[in-house]
C-alpha atoms as a PDB file:
ATOM      1  CA  MET A   1      16.562   3.566  -2.257  1.00  0.00           C
ATOM      2  CA  LEU A   2      19.026   4.010   0.633  1.00  0.00           C
ATOM      3  CA  PRO A   3      21.755   1.499   1.578  1.00  0.00           C
ATOM      4  CA  GLN A   4      19.946   0.541   4.808  1.00  0.00           C
ATOM      5  CA  ILE A   5      16.530   0.505   6.459  1.00  0.00           C
ATOM      6  CA  VAL A   6      15.515   2.818   9.352  1.00  0.00           C
ATOM      7  CA  PRO A   7      18.405   5.214   8.562  1.00  0.00           C
ATOM      8  CA  ARG A   8      17.398   8.044  10.862  1.00  0.00           C
ATOM      9  CA  SER A   9      17.232   5.920  14.018  1.00  0.00           C
ATOM     10  CA  LEU A  10      19.623   2.984  13.492  1.00  0.00           C
ATOM     11  CA  ASP A  11      23.215   2.558  12.356  1.00  0.00           C
ATOM     12  CA  LYS A  12      23.678   0.091   9.515  1.00  0.00           C
ATOM     13  CA  ASP A  13      25.113  -2.655  11.729  1.00  0.00           C
ATOM     14  CA  MET A  14      21.932  -2.536  13.822  1.00  0.00           C
ATOM     15  CA  SER A  15      19.556  -2.264  10.861  1.00  0.00           C
ATOM     16  CA  ASP A  16      21.318  -5.288   9.354  1.00  0.00           C
ATOM     17  CA  ILE A  17      19.924  -7.311  12.291  1.00  0.00           C
ATOM     18  CA  LEU A  18      16.419  -6.322  11.190  1.00  0.00           C
ATOM     19  CA  VAL A  19      17.167  -7.147   7.557  1.00  0.00           C
ATOM     20  CA  LYS A  20      18.431 -10.605   8.533  1.00  0.00           C
ATOM     21  CA  TYR A  21      15.258 -11.210  10.540  1.00  0.00           C
ATOM     22  CA  LEU A  22      13.043 -10.048   7.654  1.00  0.00           C
ATOM     23  CA  GLU A  23      14.853 -12.370   5.263  1.00  0.00           C
ATOM     24  CA  MET A  24      14.401 -15.285   7.701  1.00  0.00           C
ATOM     25  CA  GLU A  25      10.666 -14.507   7.590  1.00  0.00           C
ATOM     26  CA  GLY A  26      10.715 -14.834   3.800  1.00  0.00           C
ATOM     27  CA  ILE A  27      10.788 -11.109   2.978  1.00  0.00           C
ATOM     28  CA  LYS A  28      13.172  -9.997   0.245  1.00  0.00           C
ATOM     29  CA  VAL A  29      14.881  -6.682   1.052  1.00  0.00           C
ATOM     30  CA  VAL A  30      16.336  -4.673  -1.847  1.00  0.00           C
ATOM     31  CA  LEU A  31      18.694  -1.877  -0.765  1.00  0.00           C
ATOM     32  CA  GLY A  32      20.360   0.963  -2.641  1.00  0.00           C
ATOM     33  CA  LYS A  33      17.955   0.819  -5.574  1.00  0.00           C
ATOM     34  CA  PRO A  34      14.890   2.992  -6.117  1.00  0.00           C
ATOM     35  CA  ILE A  35      11.772   1.710  -7.873  1.00  0.00           C
ATOM     36  CA  THR A  36      12.049   3.072 -11.418  1.00  0.00           C
ATOM     37  CA  LYS A  37       8.818   1.784 -12.931  1.00  0.00           C
ATOM     38  CA  LEU A  38       5.521   0.120 -12.025  1.00  0.00           C
ATOM     39  CA  ILE A  39       4.039  -2.174 -14.671  1.00  0.00           C
ATOM     40  CA  GLY A  40       0.366  -3.160 -15.029  1.00  0.00           C
ATOM     41  CA  GLU A  41      -2.727  -2.580 -17.115  1.00  0.00           C
ATOM     42  CA  THR A  42      -5.643  -2.221 -14.665  1.00  0.00           C
ATOM     43  CA  LYS A  43      -3.585  -2.783 -11.489  1.00  0.00           C
ATOM     44  CA  VAL A  44       0.056  -3.063 -10.554  1.00  0.00           C
ATOM     45  CA  GLU A  45       1.632  -6.358 -11.638  1.00  0.00           C
ATOM     46  CA  LYS A  46       5.366  -5.741 -11.489  1.00  0.00           C
ATOM     47  CA  ALA A  47       7.862  -3.373  -9.864  1.00  0.00           C
ATOM     48  CA  CYS A  48      11.162  -2.505 -11.566  1.00  0.00           C
ATOM     49  CA  PHE A  49      14.382  -1.727  -9.712  1.00  0.00           C
ATOM     50  CA  GLY A  50      16.914  -0.138 -12.052  1.00  0.00           C
ATOM     51  CA  ASP A  51      17.112  -1.627 -15.534  1.00  0.00           C
ATOM     52  CA  GLU A  52      17.277  -5.322 -14.724  1.00  0.00           C
ATOM     53  CA  GLU A  53      15.532  -6.379 -11.499  1.00  0.00           C
ATOM     54  CA  ILE A  54      11.805  -6.922 -11.903  1.00  0.00           C
ATOM     55  CA  TYR A  55       9.539  -8.416  -9.229  1.00  0.00           C
ATOM     56  CA  ASP A  56       5.934  -9.536  -9.398  1.00  0.00           C
ATOM     57  CA  ALA A  57       3.642  -7.404  -7.218  1.00  0.00           C
ATOM     58  CA  ASP A  58       0.015  -7.474  -6.102  1.00  0.00           C
ATOM     59  CA  MET A  59       0.347  -4.213  -4.189  1.00  0.00           C
ATOM     60  CA  VAL A  60       2.855  -1.354  -3.935  1.00  0.00           C
ATOM     61  CA  ILE A  61       2.881   0.946  -0.899  1.00  0.00           C
ATOM     62  CA  MET A  62       4.741   4.194  -1.550  1.00  0.00           C
ATOM     63  CA  ALA A  63       6.324   5.290   1.757  1.00  0.00           C
ATOM     64  CA  THR A  64       8.407   8.234   0.586  1.00  0.00           C
ATOM     65  CA  GLY A  65       8.713  10.332   3.740  1.00  0.00           C
ATOM     66  CA  VAL A  66       6.972  13.340   5.253  1.00  0.00           C
ATOM     67  CA  ARG A  67       7.221  17.008   4.286  1.00  0.00           C
ATOM     68  CA  ALA A  68       5.471  19.894   5.992  1.00  0.00           C
ATOM     69  CA  GLU A  69       2.626  21.558   4.082  1.00  0.00           C
ATOM     70  CA  LEU A  70       3.492  25.247   4.441  1.00  0.00           C
ATOM     71  CA  GLU A  71       1.058  27.026   2.130  1.00  0.00           C
ATOM     72  CA  LEU A  72      -1.309  28.182   4.883  1.00  0.00           C
ATOM     73  CA  ALA A  73       1.590  29.271   7.113  1.00  0.00           C
ATOM     74  CA  ASN A  74       3.106  31.285   4.273  1.00  0.00           C
ATOM     75  CA  MET A  75      -0.234  32.943   3.591  1.00  0.00           C
ATOM     76  CA  ALA A  76      -0.459  33.924   7.267  1.00  0.00           C
ATOM     77  CA  GLY A  77       3.050  35.396   7.160  1.00  0.00           C
ATOM     78  CA  CYS A  78       4.612  32.885   9.584  1.00  0.00           C
ATOM     79  CA  GLU A  79       8.392  32.662   9.638  1.00  0.00           C
ATOM     80  CA  ILE A  80       9.611  29.434   8.035  1.00  0.00           C
ATOM     81  CA  GLY A  81      12.801  27.583   8.924  1.00  0.00           C
ATOM     82  CA  ARG A  82      14.815  25.092   6.921  1.00  0.00           C
ATOM     83  CA  TRP A  83      12.118  22.414   6.932  1.00  0.00           C
ATOM     84  CA  ALA A  84       8.980  23.726   8.622  1.00  0.00           C
ATOM     85  CA  ILE A  85       7.299  26.508  10.614  1.00  0.00           C
ATOM     86  CA  LEU A  86       9.342  28.210  13.319  1.00  0.00           C
ATOM     87  CA  VAL A  87       7.706  28.269  16.763  1.00  0.00           C
ATOM     88  CA  ASN A  88       8.896  29.080  20.280  1.00  0.00           C
ATOM     89  CA  ASP A  89       8.640  26.773  23.299  1.00  0.00           C
ATOM     90  CA  ARG A  90       5.007  27.866  23.799  1.00  0.00           C
ATOM     91  CA  MET A  91       4.126  26.798  20.219  1.00  0.00           C
ATOM     92  CA  GLU A  92       3.664  30.420  19.126  1.00  0.00           C
ATOM     93  CA  THR A  93       4.572  31.340  15.546  1.00  0.00           C
ATOM     94  CA  SER A  94       6.077  34.684  14.538  1.00  0.00           C
ATOM     95  CA  VAL A  95       2.521  35.962  13.920  1.00  0.00           C
ATOM     96  CA  GLU A  96       0.577  37.038  17.014  1.00  0.00           C
ATOM     97  CA  ASN A  97      -2.257  34.678  17.999  1.00  0.00           C
ATOM     98  CA  VAL A  98      -1.216  32.122  15.381  1.00  0.00           C
ATOM     99  CA  TYR A  99       0.040  28.779  16.702  1.00  0.00           C
ATOM    100  CA  ALA A 100       1.333  25.584  15.102  1.00  0.00           C
ATOM    101  CA  VAL A 101       1.999  22.029  16.271  1.00  0.00           C
ATOM    102  CA  GLY A 102       2.790  18.623  14.794  1.00  0.00           C
ATOM    103  CA  ASP A 103       4.570  17.605  11.607  1.00  0.00           C
ATOM    104  CA  CYS A 104       4.536  21.154  10.216  1.00  0.00           C
ATOM    105  CA  VAL A 105       6.817  22.723  12.878  1.00  0.00           C
ATOM    106  CA  GLU A 106      10.493  22.624  13.744  1.00  0.00           C
ATOM    107  CA  SER A 107      11.655  21.574  17.210  1.00  0.00           C
ATOM    108  CA  LYS A 108      14.780  22.269  19.216  1.00  0.00           C
ATOM    109  CA  ASP A 109      17.381  19.492  19.278  1.00  0.00           C
ATOM    110  CA  LEU A 110      18.371  18.726  22.889  1.00  0.00           C
ATOM    111  CA  ILE A 111      21.990  17.778  22.189  1.00  0.00           C
ATOM    112  CA  LEU A 112      23.061  20.427  19.672  1.00  0.00           C
ATOM    113  CA  GLY A 113      20.532  23.109  20.552  1.00  0.00           C
ATOM    114  CA  SER A 114      19.815  23.699  16.869  1.00  0.00           C
ATOM    115  CA  ASN A 115      16.508  23.271  15.046  1.00  0.00           C
ATOM    116  CA  THR A 116      15.388  19.876  13.802  1.00  0.00           C
ATOM    117  CA  ILE A 117      12.195  18.106  12.787  1.00  0.00           C
ATOM    118  CA  SER A 118      10.483  15.574  15.038  1.00  0.00           C
ATOM    119  CA  GLN A 119       7.579  14.164  13.058  1.00  0.00           C
ATOM    120  CA  LEU A 120       6.455  11.673  15.696  1.00  0.00           C
ATOM    121  CA  GLY A 121       3.078  11.148  17.332  1.00  0.00           C
ATOM    122  CA  THR A 122       4.582  11.496  20.813  1.00  0.00           C
ATOM    123  CA  THR A 123       6.060  14.876  19.867  1.00  0.00           C
ATOM    124  CA  ALA A 124       2.741  16.094  18.442  1.00  0.00           C
ATOM    125  CA  VAL A 125       0.859  15.108  21.614  1.00  0.00           C
ATOM    126  CA  ARG A 126       3.333  16.968  23.853  1.00  0.00           C
ATOM    127  CA  GLU A 127       3.174  20.003  21.588  1.00  0.00           C
ATOM    128  CA  SER A 128      -0.638  19.948  21.650  1.00  0.00           C
ATOM    129  CA  LYS A 129      -0.710  19.850  25.455  1.00  0.00           C
ATOM    130  CA  THR A 130       1.769  22.727  25.585  1.00  0.00           C
ATOM    131  CA  LEU A 131      -0.378  24.730  23.172  1.00  0.00           C
ATOM    132  CA  ALA A 132      -3.565  24.038  25.157  1.00  0.00           C
ATOM    133  CA  ARG A 133      -1.920  25.367  28.325  1.00  0.00           C
ATOM    134  CA  THR A 134      -0.590  28.377  26.414  1.00  0.00           C
ATOM    135  CA  ILE A 135      -4.035  29.291  25.064  1.00  0.00           C
ATOM    136  CA  CYS A 136      -5.562  28.876  28.538  1.00  0.00           C
ATOM    137  CA  GLY A 137      -2.999  31.269  29.997  1.00  0.00           C
ATOM    138  CA  LYS A 138      -1.241  28.608  32.039  1.00  0.00           C
ATOM    139  CA  LYS A 139       2.509  28.156  32.406  1.00  0.00           C
ATOM    140  CA  SER A 140       3.777  25.985  29.556  1.00  0.00           C
ATOM    141  CA  LYS A 141       7.011  25.009  27.860  1.00  0.00           C
ATOM    142  CA  PHE A 142       7.821  22.463  25.168  1.00  0.00           C
ATOM    143  CA  ASN A 143      11.142  20.812  25.889  1.00  0.00           C
ATOM    144  CA  PRO A 144      13.786  20.017  23.232  1.00  0.00           C
ATOM    145  CA  VAL A 145      13.539  16.640  21.507  1.00  0.00           C
ATOM    146  CA  LEU A 146      15.656  13.491  21.205  1.00  0.00           C
ATOM    147  CA  ASN A 147      13.374  11.679  18.717  1.00  0.00           C
ATOM    148  CA  SER A 148      13.047   8.562  20.848  1.00  0.00           C
ATOM    149  CA  MET A 149      11.185   5.828  18.982  1.00  0.00           C
ATOM    150  CA  VAL A 150      10.180   2.192  19.274  1.00  0.00           C
ATOM    151  CA  SER A 151       8.545  -0.133  16.774  1.00  0.00           C
ATOM    152  CA  LYS A 152       7.993  -3.816  16.061  1.00  0.00           C
ATOM    153  CA  VAL A 153       8.207  -6.071  13.031  1.00  0.00           C
ATOM    154  CA  GLY A 154       7.046  -9.651  13.521  1.00  0.00           C
ATOM    155  CA  LYS A 155       8.424 -10.772  16.888  1.00  0.00           C
ATOM    156  CA  LEU A 156      11.278  -8.281  16.875  1.00  0.00           C
ATOM    157  CA  GLU A 157      11.123  -4.957  18.725  1.00  0.00           C
ATOM    158  CA  PHE A 158      13.553  -2.159  17.915  1.00  0.00           C
ATOM    159  CA  GLY A 159      14.031   1.281  19.392  1.00  0.00           C
ATOM    160  CA  ALA A 160      16.407   4.206  19.432  1.00  0.00           C
ATOM    161  CA  VAL A 161      16.978   7.596  21.018  1.00  0.00           C
ATOM    162  CA  GLY A 162      19.406  10.418  20.311  1.00  0.00           C
ATOM    163  CA  TYR A 163      22.086  10.300  17.657  1.00  0.00           C
ATOM    164  CA  THR A 164      23.328   7.513  15.439  1.00  0.00           C
ATOM    165  CA  THR A 165      27.075   7.178  14.902  1.00  0.00           C
ATOM    166  CA  SER A 166      26.842   8.616  11.403  1.00  0.00           C
ATOM    167  CA  PHE A 167      24.708  11.576  12.480  1.00  0.00           C
ATOM    168  CA  ALA A 168      27.145  12.404  15.274  1.00  0.00           C
ATOM    169  CA  GLN A 169      30.027  12.363  12.802  1.00  0.00           C
ATOM    170  CA  GLN A 170      28.106  14.591  10.383  1.00  0.00           C
ATOM    171  CA  ASN A 171      27.785  17.129  13.187  1.00  0.00           C
ATOM    172  CA  ARG A 172      31.488  17.074  14.108  1.00  0.00           C
ATOM    173  CA  ILE A 173      31.041  14.968  17.218  1.00  0.00           C
ATOM    174  CA  ARG A 174      33.663  12.262  17.716  1.00  0.00           C
ATOM    175  CA  PRO A 175      31.517   9.302  18.789  1.00  0.00           C
ATOM    176  CA  VAL A 176      32.745   6.629  21.163  1.00  0.00           C
ATOM    177  CA  VAL A 177      30.671   3.538  20.495  1.00  0.00           C
ATOM    178  CA  GLN A 178      30.100   0.156  22.088  1.00  0.00           C
ATOM    179  CA  LYS A 179      27.805  -2.656  20.984  1.00  0.00           C
ATOM    180  CA  VAL A 180      26.974  -5.579  23.299  1.00  0.00           C
ATOM    181  CA  GLN A 181      24.634  -8.553  23.333  1.00  0.00           C
ATOM    182  CA  ALA A 182      22.880  -9.481  26.561  1.00  0.00           C
ATOM    183  CA  LEU A 183      19.689 -11.283  27.612  1.00  0.00           C
ATOM    184  CA  THR A 184      16.253 -10.002  28.554  1.00  0.00           C
ATOM    185  CA  ARG A 185      16.115 -12.278  31.642  1.00  0.00           C
ATOM    186  CA  ALA A 186      18.497 -14.161  33.885  1.00  0.00           C
ATOM    187  CA  ARG A 187      20.644 -16.605  31.898  1.00  0.00           C
ATOM    188  CA  TYR A 188      19.187 -19.662  33.619  1.00  0.00           C
ATOM    189  CA  TYR A 189      15.559 -18.489  33.388  1.00  0.00           C
ATOM    190  CA  PRO A 190      13.315 -19.996  30.659  1.00  0.00           C
ATOM    191  CA  ASN A 191      12.638 -18.013  27.491  1.00  0.00           C
ATOM    192  CA  ALA A 192      15.434 -15.474  27.921  1.00  0.00           C
ATOM    193  CA  LYS A 193      15.807 -13.576  24.618  1.00  0.00           C
ATOM    194  CA  PRO A 194      18.960 -12.037  23.158  1.00  0.00           C
ATOM    195  CA  MET A 195      19.141  -8.244  23.279  1.00  0.00           C
ATOM    196  CA  ASP A 196      21.478  -6.199  21.061  1.00  0.00           C
ATOM    197  CA  ILE A 197      22.385  -2.798  22.497  1.00  0.00           C
ATOM    198  CA  LYS A 198      24.498  -0.036  20.996  1.00  0.00           C
ATOM    199  CA  VAL A 199      25.508   2.956  23.121  1.00  0.00           C
ATOM    200  CA  ILE A 200      26.997   6.132  21.654  1.00  0.00           C
ATOM    201  CA  CYS A 201      28.884   8.724  23.723  1.00  0.00           C
ATOM    202  CA  ASP A 202      30.713  11.913  22.882  1.00  0.00           C
ATOM    203  CA  GLY A 203      34.402  12.446  23.604  1.00  0.00           C
ATOM    204  CA  ASN A 204      33.670  13.272  27.246  1.00  0.00           C
ATOM    205  CA  GLY A 205      31.687  10.119  27.898  1.00  0.00           C
ATOM    206  CA  THR A 206      28.300  11.866  27.828  1.00  0.00           C
ATOM    207  CA  ILE A 207      25.645   9.558  26.411  1.00  0.00           C
ATOM    208  CA  ILE A 208      24.198  10.920  23.152  1.00  0.00           C
ATOM    209  CA  GLY A 209      22.526   7.863  21.623  1.00  0.00           C
ATOM    210  CA  CYS A 210      21.270   4.329  22.142  1.00  0.00           C
ATOM    211  CA  GLN A 211      19.826   1.637  19.872  1.00  0.00           C
ATOM    212  CA  ILE A 212      18.231  -1.614  21.066  1.00  0.00           C
ATOM    213  CA  ILE A 213      16.840  -4.687  19.293  1.00  0.00           C
ATOM    214  CA  ALA A 214      15.205  -7.648  21.050  1.00  0.00           C
ATOM    215  CA  GLU A 215      12.016  -9.692  21.126  1.00  0.00           C
ATOM    216  CA  GLU A 216      10.872  -7.997  24.353  1.00  0.00           C
ATOM    217  CA  ARG A 217      11.536  -5.215  26.887  1.00  0.00           C
ATOM    218  CA  VAL A 218      12.887  -2.631  24.437  1.00  0.00           C
ATOM    219  CA  ALA A 219      10.567   0.337  25.073  1.00  0.00           C
ATOM    220  CA  GLU A 220      11.280   0.759  28.784  1.00  0.00           C
ATOM    221  CA  ARG A 221      15.026   0.681  28.225  1.00  0.00           C
ATOM    222  CA  ILE A 222      14.792   3.286  25.466  1.00  0.00           C
ATOM    223  CA  ASP A 223      12.782   5.421  27.910  1.00  0.00           C
ATOM    224  CA  THR A 224      15.530   4.966  30.504  1.00  0.00           C
ATOM    225  CA  MET A 225      18.168   6.100  28.029  1.00  0.00           C
ATOM    226  CA  THR A 226      15.983   9.042  26.995  1.00  0.00           C
ATOM    227  CA  LEU A 227      15.978  10.194  30.615  1.00  0.00           C
ATOM    228  CA  ALA A 228      19.735   9.595  30.922  1.00  0.00           C
ATOM    229  CA  ILE A 229      20.493  11.706  27.831  1.00  0.00           C
ATOM    230  CA  THR A 230      18.040  14.412  28.912  1.00  0.00           C
ATOM    231  CA  GLU A 231      19.814  14.692  32.262  1.00  0.00           C
ATOM    232  CA  GLY A 232      23.232  14.774  30.587  1.00  0.00           C
ATOM    233  CA  LEU A 233      24.484  11.590  32.244  1.00  0.00           C
ATOM    234  CA  THR A 234      27.809  10.066  31.269  1.00  0.00           C
ATOM    235  CA  CYS A 235      28.430   6.377  30.765  1.00  0.00           C
ATOM    236  CA  PHE A 236      30.248   6.445  34.118  1.00  0.00           C
ATOM    237  CA  ASP A 237      27.176   7.946  35.850  1.00  0.00           C
ATOM    238  CA  LEU A 238      24.804   5.354  34.443  1.00  0.00           C
ATOM    239  CA  SER A 239      27.116   2.416  35.160  1.00  0.00           C
ATOM    240  CA  ASN A 240      26.741   3.175  38.894  1.00  0.00           C
ATOM    241  CA  MET A 241      22.953   3.573  38.860  1.00  0.00           C
ATOM    242  CA  GLU A 242      20.689   1.239  40.831  1.00  0.00           C
ATOM    243  CA  PHE A 243      18.422  -0.949  38.692  1.00  0.00           C
ATOM    244  CA  ALA A 244      15.677  -3.345  39.829  1.00  0.00           C
ATOM    245  CA  TYR A 245      16.288  -7.070  39.332  1.00  0.00           C
ATOM    246  CA  ALA A 246      14.344 -10.320  39.321  1.00  0.00           C
ATOM    247  CA  PRO A 247      15.230 -13.370  37.181  1.00  0.00           C
ATOM    248  CA  PRO A 248      11.938 -13.389  35.165  1.00  0.00           C
ATOM    249  CA  VAL A 249      12.384  -9.810  33.995  1.00  0.00           C
ATOM    250  CA  SER A 250      16.090  -8.953  33.844  1.00  0.00           C
ATOM    251  CA  MET A 251      19.681 -10.050  34.262  1.00  0.00           C
ATOM    252  CA  VAL A 252      21.259  -9.262  37.635  1.00  0.00           C
ATOM    253  CA  THR A 253      23.312  -6.653  35.776  1.00  0.00           C
ATOM    254  CA  ASP A 254      20.883  -4.921  33.447  1.00  0.00           C
ATOM    255  CA  PRO A 255      21.802  -4.979  29.735  1.00  0.00           C
ATOM    256  CA  LEU A 256      22.035  -1.172  29.763  1.00  0.00           C
ATOM    257  CA  ILE A 257      24.591  -1.319  32.559  1.00  0.00           C
ATOM    258  CA  LEU A 258      26.608  -3.914  30.660  1.00  0.00           C
ATOM    259  CA  ALA A 259      26.664  -1.643  27.614  1.00  0.00           C
ATOM    260  CA  VAL A 260      27.758   1.521  29.434  1.00  0.00           C
ATOM    261  CA  GLU A 261      30.334  -0.415  31.463  1.00  0.00           C
ATOM    262  CA  GLU A 262      31.906  -1.624  28.230  1.00  0.00           C
ATOM    263  CA  VAL A 263      31.935   1.810  26.584  1.00  0.00           C
ATOM    264  CA  SER A 264      33.417   3.285  29.797  1.00  0.00           C
ATOM    265  CA  LYS A 265      36.496   1.099  29.321  1.00  0.00           C
ATOM    266  CA  LYS A 266      37.334   3.077  26.169  1.00  0.00           C
ATOM    267  CA  PHE A 267      37.945   6.164  28.290  1.00  0.00           C
ATOM    268  CA  THR A 268      40.470   4.593  30.682  1.00  0.00           C
END
């Protein structure tokens, strides 16, 4: 229905890389058109997009997003935010001795400090551990989120953390962006794979987002950028960091360093 895939985590120029890969694998991607009708007698046989496009189908999977179920929270008298239940950093609701975790709660956004939703398994696990410590009377605190994610389709891994360019603009942040292509191993080493990296900074050079696509080694670099954003590092800070190197596992100048070095040039 939207003009791109993975809209919350990737900018369109990065999601286009995924679309191209999917099409190379024989998958037809239809963008900007919702399914308007499913046709079939005893099972689905066709899917209609708009008034004209009709495709044969053996199966239709409806992946239409996630919304918090708030009926029980409303019955308990819990305060509700824009999308979900409001909790503090100990996972306590506004009602004494009532707690909430997971897809039904709002989280604090690390960059803006405002409320957001983080309907990810990693977020739910951290919230659950925080809640367990809270109930046991131990010191606990759930930290703000950056919605770091990683996934894989076919041979291609993709990951992201922080803000996309469009989301930054929607929140009145002037993004400074750089996209580079590097390799997952030394150039002369066998089986080196291309790696597309996009780094997003604010007007002061502070890193606020990163998107990576490659056939390998994406998750650990997204984790590195998650830590960099959490610590408020600038592109200048990260460009001077020490990274490990060996030809089978990385370029002598890590792809992340190449990306932040290039975006740094836009500030000089």
